[in-house]
Amino acid sequence: MSIDFTDKVAIVTGAGGGIGRAYALELAKRGAKVVVNDLGGARDGTGASDAAGKVVEEIEEAGGTAMANGASVTDYDQMVDLVAQAKDKWGGVHILINNAGILRDKSFAKMDPADFELVVKVHLLGSAYATKAVWETMREQNYGRILMTASSTGLFGNFGQANYGAAKLGLAGLTKTLYLEGAKYNIKCNTIAPVAATRMTEDILPEQAQKMFGPENVVPAALYLVSEDAPTNAIVGAGAGGYHSSFVTMNTPVILPEDERSVEGFAAHWDEISKVEHASVPQNGGEQSMAIMAALQKAQQG
């Protein structure tokens, strides 16, 4: 099976280096017309450069088609203009990979609220702005593939990254609503949690791991998740040639008798309530209520 992106227009944010660059190069190699978006700032979001233009040069030298865009994902109007430029030049936008991000790591006790706000704005609001900018176009053309970039920090936690983790888990939650709202318009939305050696991780991963976790190893998962036959509502981890799925699960509700529905009653049953057994993977928020109702009915029947 050959996965091809001919006649597709793709926007990749944060594509001036690292994983985003790897995505852009492979999309172009497989026939996509690529908007390489990158403000060109440092890891903490300061400064600017022509990183996007250099990636476009790489793509064009290899025979591909691309255009550079230096808009900031934190500015919704700039995201609207970005989409308009792509449509004016190539007629539509079929793929959006929300990859732009920054780091401002500190323990929560030492973190400035402004650093918390900016990281959430770049990762979570930036992805929402870019997605909102392209959403109506995807609905009109009855086709869209959107990839959000989460993180193991968001899914599982990591010391010193409260701002980053909050934003990244928020992106997984955004995916879970957008896949429902986009379904009737053939818009599929997925989440990737990459582990790769980039400037974002240069002082986090040890040197040996830096060599193993090349950005190119994330590309197979990411591009499949924005392909014609992609799944939807998936959370996929990728790094160093290892790939896995993650799931938001819930166990079977424990129905407490009316005389035990107190703080003390809940505490007494905590071991049972917190068991990681009989897990299900809800496909929408309503399934939580349905599961409680089903458990209630079962309890009433004895």
C-alpha atoms as a PDB file:
ATOM      1  CA  MET A   1       0.000   0.000   0.000  1.00  0.00           C
ATOM      2  CA  SER A   2       1.459   3.340  -1.066  1.00  0.00           C
ATOM      3  CA  ILE A   3       0.264   6.439   0.780  1.00  0.00           C
ATOM      4  CA  ASP A   4       0.247   9.444  -1.519  1.00  0.00           C
ATOM      5  CA  PHE A   5      -0.596  13.108  -0.926  1.00  0.00           C
ATOM      6  CA  THR A   6      -0.748  14.325  -4.528  1.00  0.00           C
ATOM      7  CA  ASP A   7      -3.255  17.191  -4.967  1.00  0.00           C
ATOM      8  CA  LYS A   8      -3.433  17.716  -1.208  1.00  0.00           C
ATOM      9  CA  VAL A   9      -2.518  21.019   0.424  1.00  0.00           C
ATOM     10  CA  ALA A  10      -0.967  20.738   3.865  1.00  0.00           C
ATOM     11  CA  ILE A  11      -0.181  23.327   6.526  1.00  0.00           C
ATOM     12  CA  VAL A  12       2.455  22.381   9.076  1.00  0.00           C
ATOM     13  CA  THR A  13       2.993  24.832  11.928  1.00  0.00           C
ATOM     14  CA  GLY A  14       6.369  24.968  13.620  1.00  0.00           C
ATOM     15  CA  ALA A  15       7.901  23.424  10.507  1.00  0.00           C
ATOM     16  CA  GLY A  16      11.129  25.414  10.463  1.00  0.00           C
ATOM     17  CA  GLY A  17      13.031  22.656  12.234  1.00  0.00           C
ATOM     18  CA  GLY A  18      12.815  19.392  14.135  1.00  0.00           C
ATOM     19  CA  ILE A  19       9.729  17.245  13.772  1.00  0.00           C
ATOM     20  CA  GLY A  20       7.775  19.850  11.810  1.00  0.00           C
ATOM     21  CA  ARG A  21      10.515  20.080   9.202  1.00  0.00           C
ATOM     22  CA  ALA A  22      10.555  16.286   8.898  1.00  0.00           C
ATOM     23  CA  TYR A  23       6.786  16.283   8.368  1.00  0.00           C
ATOM     24  CA  ALA A  24       6.975  18.988   5.705  1.00  0.00           C
ATOM     25  CA  LEU A  25       9.766  17.282   3.778  1.00  0.00           C
ATOM     26  CA  GLU A  26       7.990  13.928   3.676  1.00  0.00           C
ATOM     27  CA  LEU A  27       4.605  15.415   2.781  1.00  0.00           C
ATOM     28  CA  ALA A  28       6.209  17.265  -0.132  1.00  0.00           C
ATOM     29  CA  LYS A  29       8.123  14.160  -1.186  1.00  0.00           C
ATOM     30  CA  ARG A  30       4.789  12.339  -1.390  1.00  0.00           C
ATOM     31  CA  GLY A  31       3.197  14.998  -3.555  1.00  0.00           C
ATOM     32  CA  ALA A  32       1.595  17.477  -1.166  1.00  0.00           C
ATOM     33  CA  LYS A  33       1.835  21.220  -1.585  1.00  0.00           C
ATOM     34  CA  VAL A  34       3.107  22.371   1.793  1.00  0.00           C
ATOM     35  CA  VAL A  35       2.769  25.607   3.722  1.00  0.00           C
ATOM     36  CA  VAL A  36       5.823  25.705   5.975  1.00  0.00           C
ATOM     37  CA  ASN A  37       4.769  27.881   8.904  1.00  0.00           C
ATOM     38  CA  ASP A  38       7.302  28.995  11.469  1.00  0.00           C
ATOM     39  CA  LEU A  39       7.887  32.245  13.306  1.00  0.00           C
ATOM     40  CA  GLY A  40      11.528  31.226  13.590  1.00  0.00           C
ATOM     41  CA  GLY A  41      11.853  31.979  17.274  1.00  0.00           C
ATOM     42  CA  ALA A  42      14.037  30.343  19.896  1.00  0.00           C
ATOM     43  CA  ARG A  43      12.880  27.442  22.046  1.00  0.00           C
ATOM     44  CA  ASP A  44      11.344  29.846  24.566  1.00  0.00           C
ATOM     45  CA  GLY A  45       9.450  31.695  21.825  1.00  0.00           C
ATOM     46  CA  THR A  46      11.673  34.768  21.625  1.00  0.00           C
ATOM     47  CA  GLY A  47      13.245  36.163  18.467  1.00  0.00           C
ATOM     48  CA  ALA A  48      12.618  35.322  14.817  1.00  0.00           C
ATOM     49  CA  SER A  49      14.436  33.863  11.802  1.00  0.00           C
ATOM     50  CA  ASP A  50      13.909  32.619   8.251  1.00  0.00           C
ATOM     51  CA  ALA A  51      13.724  28.973   9.312  1.00  0.00           C
ATOM     52  CA  ALA A  52      10.574  28.412   7.221  1.00  0.00           C
ATOM     53  CA  GLY A  53      12.205  29.779   4.077  1.00  0.00           C
ATOM     54  CA  LYS A  54      15.160  27.426   4.439  1.00  0.00           C
ATOM     55  CA  VAL A  55      12.839  24.401   4.634  1.00  0.00           C
ATOM     56  CA  VAL A  56      11.005  25.609   1.529  1.00  0.00           C
ATOM     57  CA  GLU A  57      14.358  25.776  -0.267  1.00  0.00           C
ATOM     58  CA  GLU A  58      15.038  22.157   0.727  1.00  0.00           C
ATOM     59  CA  ILE A  59      11.656  21.067  -0.576  1.00  0.00           C
ATOM     60  CA  GLU A  60      12.007  22.924  -3.866  1.00  0.00           C
ATOM     61  CA  GLU A  61      15.546  21.639  -4.427  1.00  0.00           C
ATOM     62  CA  ALA A  62      14.132  18.115  -4.087  1.00  0.00           C
ATOM     63  CA  GLY A  63      11.471  18.881  -6.703  1.00  0.00           C
ATOM     64  CA  GLY A  64       8.576  19.578  -4.318  1.00  0.00           C
ATOM     65  CA  THR A  65       6.182  22.491  -3.949  1.00  0.00           C
ATOM     66  CA  ALA A  66       6.025  24.683  -0.863  1.00  0.00           C
ATOM     67  CA  MET A  67       5.600  28.200   0.432  1.00  0.00           C
ATOM     68  CA  ALA A  68       6.929  29.828   3.603  1.00  0.00           C
ATOM     69  CA  ASN A  69       4.779  31.577   6.175  1.00  0.00           C
ATOM     70  CA  GLY A  70       6.042  33.386   9.263  1.00  0.00           C
ATOM     71  CA  ALA A  71       2.728  33.951  11.032  1.00  0.00           C
ATOM     72  CA  SER A  72       2.353  33.428  14.772  1.00  0.00           C
ATOM     73  CA  VAL A  73      -0.130  30.766  15.846  1.00  0.00           C
ATOM     74  CA  THR A  74      -1.010  32.967  18.816  1.00  0.00           C
ATOM     75  CA  ASP A  75      -2.668  35.493  16.498  1.00  0.00           C
ATOM     76  CA  TYR A  76      -5.979  34.228  15.095  1.00  0.00           C
ATOM     77  CA  ASP A  77      -6.127  36.848  12.333  1.00  0.00           C
ATOM     78  CA  GLN A  78      -2.689  35.746  11.130  1.00  0.00           C
ATOM     79  CA  MET A  79      -3.920  32.147  11.002  1.00  0.00           C
ATOM     80  CA  VAL A  80      -6.916  33.244   8.931  1.00  0.00           C
ATOM     81  CA  ASP A  81      -4.544  35.026   6.547  1.00  0.00           C
ATOM     82  CA  LEU A  82      -2.335  31.929   6.367  1.00  0.00           C
ATOM     83  CA  VAL A  83      -5.268  29.777   5.265  1.00  0.00           C
ATOM     84  CA  ALA A  84      -6.384  32.425   2.775  1.00  0.00           C
ATOM     85  CA  GLN A  85      -2.895  32.506   1.224  1.00  0.00           C
ATOM     86  CA  ALA A  86      -2.888  28.727   0.814  1.00  0.00           C
ATOM     87  CA  LYS A  87      -6.359  28.747  -0.753  1.00  0.00           C
ATOM     88  CA  ASP A  88      -5.509  31.616  -3.092  1.00  0.00           C
ATOM     89  CA  LYS A  89      -2.400  29.830  -4.304  1.00  0.00           C
ATOM     90  CA  TRP A  90      -3.530  26.200  -4.365  1.00  0.00           C
ATOM     91  CA  GLY A  91      -7.329  26.167  -4.035  1.00  0.00           C
ATOM     92  CA  GLY A  92      -7.882  24.595  -0.632  1.00  0.00           C
ATOM     93  CA  VAL A  93      -6.388  23.148   2.537  1.00  0.00           C
ATOM     94  CA  HIS A  94      -6.766  19.436   3.214  1.00  0.00           C
ATOM     95  CA  ILE A  95      -4.289  18.769   6.015  1.00  0.00           C
ATOM     96  CA  LEU A  96      -3.327  20.706   9.137  1.00  0.00           C
ATOM     97  CA  ILE A  97      -0.579  19.508  11.458  1.00  0.00           C
ATOM     98  CA  ASN A  98      -0.492  21.604  14.621  1.00  0.00           C
ATOM     99  CA  ASN A  99       3.119  21.253  15.649  1.00  0.00           C
ATOM    100  CA  ALA A 100       4.253  24.726  16.790  1.00  0.00           C
ATOM    101  CA  GLY A 101       5.404  24.947  20.374  1.00  0.00           C
ATOM    102  CA  ILE A 102       7.735  26.458  22.932  1.00  0.00           C
ATOM    103  CA  LEU A 103       9.090  25.473  26.344  1.00  0.00           C
ATOM    104  CA  ARG A 104       9.448  27.514  29.517  1.00  0.00           C
ATOM    105  CA  ASP A 105      10.167  24.839  32.085  1.00  0.00           C
ATOM    106  CA  LYS A 106      10.278  25.437  35.832  1.00  0.00           C
ATOM    107  CA  SER A 107       8.753  23.806  38.853  1.00  0.00           C
ATOM    108  CA  PHE A 108       5.268  25.137  39.505  1.00  0.00           C
ATOM    109  CA  ALA A 109       6.445  26.840  42.690  1.00  0.00           C
ATOM    110  CA  LYS A 110       8.972  28.900  40.705  1.00  0.00           C
ATOM    111  CA  MET A 111       6.978  29.402  37.509  1.00  0.00           C
ATOM    112  CA  ASP A 112       5.910  32.914  36.570  1.00  0.00           C
ATOM    113  CA  PRO A 113       2.203  33.033  35.639  1.00  0.00           C
ATOM    114  CA  ALA A 114       3.184  34.791  32.401  1.00  0.00           C
ATOM    115  CA  ASP A 115       5.241  31.747  31.395  1.00  0.00           C
ATOM    116  CA  PHE A 116       2.316  29.461  32.165  1.00  0.00           C
ATOM    117  CA  GLU A 117       0.010  31.636  30.066  1.00  0.00           C
ATOM    118  CA  LEU A 118       2.337  31.909  27.080  1.00  0.00           C
ATOM    119  CA  VAL A 119       3.015  28.172  26.826  1.00  0.00           C
ATOM    120  CA  VAL A 120      -0.719  27.419  26.974  1.00  0.00           C
ATOM    121  CA  LYS A 121      -1.361  30.142  24.406  1.00  0.00           C
ATOM    122  CA  VAL A 122       1.179  28.799  21.911  1.00  0.00           C
ATOM    123  CA  HIS A 123       0.328  25.118  22.225  1.00  0.00           C
ATOM    124  CA  LEU A 124      -3.373  24.994  23.047  1.00  0.00           C
ATOM    125  CA  LEU A 125      -4.819  28.278  21.801  1.00  0.00           C
ATOM    126  CA  GLY A 126      -2.416  28.335  18.851  1.00  0.00           C
ATOM    127  CA  SER A 127      -3.644  24.935  17.709  1.00  0.00           C
ATOM    128  CA  ALA A 128      -7.253  25.980  18.252  1.00  0.00           C
ATOM    129  CA  TYR A 129      -6.728  29.196  16.263  1.00  0.00           C
ATOM    130  CA  ALA A 130      -5.114  27.401  13.321  1.00  0.00           C
ATOM    131  CA  THR A 131      -7.812  24.733  13.361  1.00  0.00           C
ATOM    132  CA  LYS A 132     -10.622  27.280  13.565  1.00  0.00           C
ATOM    133  CA  ALA A 133      -9.088  29.188  10.647  1.00  0.00           C
ATOM    134  CA  VAL A 134      -9.215  26.099   8.423  1.00  0.00           C
ATOM    135  CA  TRP A 135     -12.375  24.474   9.814  1.00  0.00           C
ATOM    136  CA  GLU A 136     -14.954  26.046   7.502  1.00  0.00           C
ATOM    137  CA  THR A 137     -12.837  25.328   4.436  1.00  0.00           C
ATOM    138  CA  MET A 138     -12.619  21.673   5.406  1.00  0.00           C
ATOM    139  CA  ARG A 139     -16.366  21.514   5.999  1.00  0.00           C
ATOM    140  CA  GLU A 140     -17.090  23.102   2.615  1.00  0.00           C
ATOM    141  CA  GLN A 141     -14.804  20.736   0.720  1.00  0.00           C
ATOM    142  CA  ASN A 142     -16.046  17.743   2.750  1.00  0.00           C
ATOM    143  CA  TYR A 143     -12.490  16.708   3.554  1.00  0.00           C
ATOM    144  CA  GLY A 144     -10.034  17.453   6.313  1.00  0.00           C
ATOM    145  CA  ARG A 145      -7.272  15.788   8.255  1.00  0.00           C
ATOM    146  CA  ILE A 146      -6.083  17.458  11.470  1.00  0.00           C
ATOM    147  CA  LEU A 147      -3.299  16.345  13.777  1.00  0.00           C
ATOM    148  CA  MET A 148      -2.793  17.766  17.263  1.00  0.00           C
ATOM    149  CA  THR A 149       0.535  17.387  19.026  1.00  0.00           C
ATOM    150  CA  ALA A 150       0.205  16.228  22.618  1.00  0.00           C
ATOM    151  CA  SER A 151       2.989  14.873  24.801  1.00  0.00           C
ATOM    152  CA  SER A 152       3.743  12.216  27.376  1.00  0.00           C
ATOM    153  CA  THR A 153       3.894  15.159  29.785  1.00  0.00           C
ATOM    154  CA  GLY A 154       0.262  15.947  29.077  1.00  0.00           C
ATOM    155  CA  LEU A 155      -0.863  12.328  29.134  1.00  0.00           C
ATOM    156  CA  PHE A 156       1.179  11.141  32.101  1.00  0.00           C
ATOM    157  CA  GLY A 157       2.892  14.132  33.748  1.00  0.00           C
ATOM    158  CA  ASN A 158       6.473  15.356  34.066  1.00  0.00           C
ATOM    159  CA  PHE A 159       8.150  17.338  36.839  1.00  0.00           C
ATOM    160  CA  GLY A 160       8.778  20.970  35.931  1.00  0.00           C
ATOM    161  CA  GLN A 161       6.342  21.154  33.005  1.00  0.00           C
ATOM    162  CA  ALA A 162       2.995  22.110  34.515  1.00  0.00           C
ATOM    163  CA  ASN A 163       2.320  24.714  31.811  1.00  0.00           C
ATOM    164  CA  TYR A 164       3.318  22.397  28.977  1.00  0.00           C
ATOM    165  CA  GLY A 165       1.418  19.429  30.410  1.00  0.00           C
ATOM    166  CA  ALA A 166      -1.774  21.411  30.894  1.00  0.00           C
ATOM    167  CA  ALA A 167      -1.669  22.592  27.287  1.00  0.00           C
ATOM    168  CA  LYS A 168      -0.838  19.184  25.869  1.00  0.00           C
ATOM    169  CA  LEU A 169      -3.616  17.310  27.640  1.00  0.00           C
ATOM    170  CA  GLY A 170      -5.949  20.098  26.561  1.00  0.00           C
ATOM    171  CA  LEU A 171      -5.085  19.285  22.947  1.00  0.00           C
ATOM    172  CA  ALA A 172      -6.083  15.648  23.423  1.00  0.00           C
ATOM    173  CA  GLY A 173      -9.397  16.894  24.816  1.00  0.00           C
ATOM    174  CA  LEU A 174      -9.864  19.274  21.880  1.00  0.00           C
ATOM    175  CA  THR A 175      -9.364  16.365  19.495  1.00  0.00           C
ATOM    176  CA  LYS A 176     -12.060  14.356  21.228  1.00  0.00           C
ATOM    177  CA  THR A 177     -14.715  16.973  20.507  1.00  0.00           C
ATOM    178  CA  LEU A 178     -13.538  17.981  17.033  1.00  0.00           C
ATOM    179  CA  TYR A 179     -13.578  14.398  15.741  1.00  0.00           C
ATOM    180  CA  LEU A 180     -17.277  14.263  16.672  1.00  0.00           C
ATOM    181  CA  GLU A 181     -18.137  17.644  15.162  1.00  0.00           C
ATOM    182  CA  GLY A 182     -16.154  16.946  11.992  1.00  0.00           C
ATOM    183  CA  ALA A 183     -17.369  13.413  11.316  1.00  0.00           C
ATOM    184  CA  LYS A 184     -20.257  14.288   8.981  1.00  0.00           C
ATOM    185  CA  TYR A 185     -17.893  16.455   6.909  1.00  0.00           C
ATOM    186  CA  ASN A 186     -15.209  13.769   6.519  1.00  0.00           C
ATOM    187  CA  ILE A 187     -12.900  15.665   8.875  1.00  0.00           C
ATOM    188  CA  LYS A 188     -10.733  13.308  10.888  1.00  0.00           C
ATOM    189  CA  CYS A 189      -8.864  14.533  13.923  1.00  0.00           C
ATOM    190  CA  ASN A 190      -6.103  12.673  15.769  1.00  0.00           C
ATOM    191  CA  THR A 191      -3.444  13.288  18.408  1.00  0.00           C
ATOM    192  CA  ILE A 192       0.229  12.364  18.354  1.00  0.00           C
ATOM    193  CA  ALA A 193       2.566  12.277  21.347  1.00  0.00           C
ATOM    194  CA  PRO A 194       6.069  12.300  19.831  1.00  0.00           C
ATOM    195  CA  VAL A 195       9.403  11.673  21.481  1.00  0.00           C
ATOM    196  CA  ALA A 196      12.155  13.130  19.322  1.00  0.00           C
ATOM    197  CA  ALA A 197      15.557  14.734  19.613  1.00  0.00           C
ATOM    198  CA  THR A 198      15.068  18.373  18.647  1.00  0.00           C
ATOM    199  CA  ARG A 199      16.140  21.715  20.074  1.00  0.00           C
ATOM    200  CA  MET A 200      13.095  21.373  22.370  1.00  0.00           C
ATOM    201  CA  THR A 201      14.688  18.326  24.014  1.00  0.00           C
ATOM    202  CA  GLU A 202      18.405  18.974  23.583  1.00  0.00           C
ATOM    203  CA  ASP A 203      19.027  19.388  27.327  1.00  0.00           C
ATOM    204  CA  ILE A 204      16.381  16.857  28.379  1.00  0.00           C
ATOM    205  CA  LEU A 205      17.335  13.694  26.487  1.00  0.00           C
ATOM    206  CA  PRO A 206      20.837  12.253  27.103  1.00  0.00           C
ATOM    207  CA  GLU A 207      23.265  12.244  24.166  1.00  0.00           C
ATOM    208  CA  GLN A 208      22.762   8.571  23.342  1.00  0.00           C
ATOM    209  CA  ALA A 209      18.991   9.017  23.295  1.00  0.00           C
ATOM    210  CA  GLN A 210      19.383  12.064  21.066  1.00  0.00           C
ATOM    211  CA  LYS A 211      20.861   9.785  18.417  1.00  0.00           C
ATOM    212  CA  MET A 212      18.099   7.185  18.770  1.00  0.00           C
ATOM    213  CA  PHE A 213      15.160   9.563  18.800  1.00  0.00           C
ATOM    214  CA  GLY A 214      15.542  11.221  15.410  1.00  0.00           C
ATOM    215  CA  PRO A 215      12.511  13.261  14.231  1.00  0.00           C
ATOM    216  CA  GLU A 216      12.239  11.056  11.123  1.00  0.00           C
ATOM    217  CA  ASN A 217      11.031   8.209  13.344  1.00  0.00           C
ATOM    218  CA  VAL A 218       7.872  10.140  14.233  1.00  0.00           C
ATOM    219  CA  VAL A 219       6.952  10.819  10.605  1.00  0.00           C
ATOM    220  CA  PRO A 220       5.402   7.410   9.726  1.00  0.00           C
ATOM    221  CA  ALA A 221       2.780   7.700  12.468  1.00  0.00           C
ATOM    222  CA  ALA A 222       2.024  11.368  11.870  1.00  0.00           C
ATOM    223  CA  LEU A 223       1.566  11.072   8.117  1.00  0.00           C
ATOM    224  CA  TYR A 224      -0.627   8.002   8.440  1.00  0.00           C
ATOM    225  CA  LEU A 225      -2.834   9.945  10.863  1.00  0.00           C
ATOM    226  CA  VAL A 226      -3.415  12.653   8.211  1.00  0.00           C
ATOM    227  CA  SER A 227      -3.779  10.303   5.251  1.00  0.00           C
ATOM    228  CA  GLU A 228      -6.882   9.461   3.216  1.00  0.00           C
ATOM    229  CA  ASP A 229      -7.572   6.276   5.207  1.00  0.00           C
ATOM    230  CA  ALA A 230      -6.596   7.652   8.607  1.00  0.00           C
ATOM    231  CA  PRO A 231      -8.467   6.618  11.742  1.00  0.00           C
ATOM    232  CA  THR A 232     -10.047   9.335  13.858  1.00  0.00           C
ATOM    233  CA  ASN A 233      -9.924  10.069  17.589  1.00  0.00           C
ATOM    234  CA  ALA A 234      -6.649   8.150  17.984  1.00  0.00           C
ATOM    235  CA  ILE A 235      -3.877   9.057  20.431  1.00  0.00           C
ATOM    236  CA  VAL A 236      -0.595   7.667  19.156  1.00  0.00           C
ATOM    237  CA  GLY A 237       2.850   7.761  20.716  1.00  0.00           C
ATOM    238  CA  ALA A 238       5.929   7.619  18.481  1.00  0.00           C
ATOM    239  CA  GLY A 239       9.678   7.670  18.989  1.00  0.00           C
ATOM    240  CA  ALA A 240      12.873   5.783  18.087  1.00  0.00           C
ATOM    241  CA  GLY A 241      10.918   3.366  15.909  1.00  0.00           C
ATOM    242  CA  GLY A 242       8.474   2.452  18.682  1.00  0.00           C
ATOM    243  CA  TYR A 243       4.767   3.187  18.246  1.00  0.00           C
ATOM    244  CA  HIS A 244       1.850   2.733  20.637  1.00  0.00           C
ATOM    245  CA  SER A 245      -1.697   3.864  21.272  1.00  0.00           C
ATOM    246  CA  SER A 246      -2.881   5.611  24.427  1.00  0.00           C
ATOM    247  CA  PHE A 247      -6.457   5.648  25.646  1.00  0.00           C
ATOM    248  CA  VAL A 248      -8.685   7.660  27.963  1.00  0.00           C
ATOM    249  CA  THR A 249     -10.515   4.946  29.854  1.00  0.00           C
ATOM    250  CA  MET A 250     -13.042   4.524  32.633  1.00  0.00           C
ATOM    251  CA  ASN A 251     -13.820   1.530  34.797  1.00  0.00           C
ATOM    252  CA  THR A 252     -17.270   0.214  35.659  1.00  0.00           C
ATOM    253  CA  PRO A 253     -19.110   2.600  38.015  1.00  0.00           C
ATOM    254  CA  VAL A 254     -19.531   1.395  41.598  1.00  0.00           C
ATOM    255  CA  ILE A 255     -23.056   2.130  42.819  1.00  0.00           C
ATOM    256  CA  LEU A 256     -23.126   2.961  46.507  1.00  0.00           C
ATOM    257  CA  PRO A 257     -26.299   2.303  48.525  1.00  0.00           C
ATOM    258  CA  GLU A 258     -28.079   5.506  49.549  1.00  0.00           C
ATOM    259  CA  ASP A 259     -26.964   5.175  53.163  1.00  0.00           C
ATOM    260  CA  GLU A 260     -23.320   5.001  52.043  1.00  0.00           C
ATOM    261  CA  ARG A 261     -23.355   8.057  49.749  1.00  0.00           C
ATOM    262  CA  SER A 262     -21.280  10.110  52.126  1.00  0.00           C
ATOM    263  CA  VAL A 263     -17.654  11.154  52.239  1.00  0.00           C
ATOM    264  CA  GLU A 264     -16.993   8.252  54.605  1.00  0.00           C
ATOM    265  CA  GLY A 265     -18.874   5.828  52.359  1.00  0.00           C
ATOM    266  CA  PHE A 266     -16.900   6.909  49.317  1.00  0.00           C
ATOM    267  CA  ALA A 267     -13.651   6.554  51.265  1.00  0.00           C
ATOM    268  CA  ALA A 268     -14.614   3.059  52.356  1.00  0.00           C
ATOM    269  CA  HIS A 269     -15.132   1.975  48.748  1.00  0.00           C
ATOM    270  CA  TRP A 270     -12.139   3.816  47.257  1.00  0.00           C
ATOM    271  CA  ASP A 271     -10.119   0.667  46.590  1.00  0.00           C
ATOM    272  CA  GLU A 272     -12.963  -0.710  44.464  1.00  0.00           C
ATOM    273  CA  ILE A 273     -13.711   2.608  42.754  1.00  0.00           C
ATOM    274  CA  SER A 274     -10.058   3.125  41.790  1.00  0.00           C
ATOM    275  CA  LYS A 275      -9.348  -0.346  40.390  1.00  0.00           C
ATOM    276  CA  VAL A 276      -7.852  -0.370  36.908  1.00  0.00           C
ATOM    277  CA  GLU A 277     -10.070  -3.232  35.805  1.00  0.00           C
ATOM    278  CA  HIS A 278     -12.957  -3.723  33.402  1.00  0.00           C
ATOM    279  CA  ALA A 279     -11.884  -0.579  31.561  1.00  0.00           C
ATOM    280  CA  SER A 280     -13.782   0.802  28.593  1.00  0.00           C
ATOM    281  CA  VAL A 281     -12.805   3.481  26.089  1.00  0.00           C
ATOM    282  CA  PRO A 282     -15.714   5.961  25.772  1.00  0.00           C
ATOM    283  CA  GLN A 283     -16.139   7.549  22.357  1.00  0.00           C
ATOM    284  CA  ASN A 284     -17.966  10.605  23.690  1.00  0.00           C
ATOM    285  CA  GLY A 285     -18.719  12.271  27.018  1.00  0.00           C
ATOM    286  CA  GLY A 286     -22.278  10.972  27.127  1.00  0.00           C
ATOM    287  CA  GLU A 287     -21.016   7.443  27.638  1.00  0.00           C
ATOM    288  CA  GLN A 288     -20.051   8.292  31.213  1.00  0.00           C
ATOM    289  CA  SER A 289     -23.693   9.017  32.088  1.00  0.00           C
ATOM    290  CA  MET A 290     -24.814   5.944  30.165  1.00  0.00           C
ATOM    291  CA  ALA A 291     -22.371   3.751  32.081  1.00  0.00           C
ATOM    292  CA  ILE A 292     -23.648   5.068  35.414  1.00  0.00           C
ATOM    293  CA  MET A 293     -27.244   4.472  34.349  1.00  0.00           C
ATOM    294  CA  ALA A 294     -26.424   0.913  33.263  1.00  0.00           C
ATOM    295  CA  ALA A 295     -24.707   0.236  36.593  1.00  0.00           C
ATOM    296  CA  LEU A 296     -27.688   1.673  38.470  1.00  0.00           C
ATOM    297  CA  GLN A 297     -30.090  -0.568  36.613  1.00  0.00           C
ATOM    298  CA  LYS A 298     -27.898  -3.591  37.320  1.00  0.00           C
ATOM    299  CA  ALA A 299     -27.732  -2.699  41.027  1.00  0.00           C
ATOM    300  CA  GLN A 300     -31.508  -2.250  41.228  1.00  0.00           C
ATOM    301  CA  GLN A 301     -32.048  -5.641  39.648  1.00  0.00           C
ATOM    302  CA  GLY A 302     -29.979  -7.185  42.410  1.00  0.00           C
END
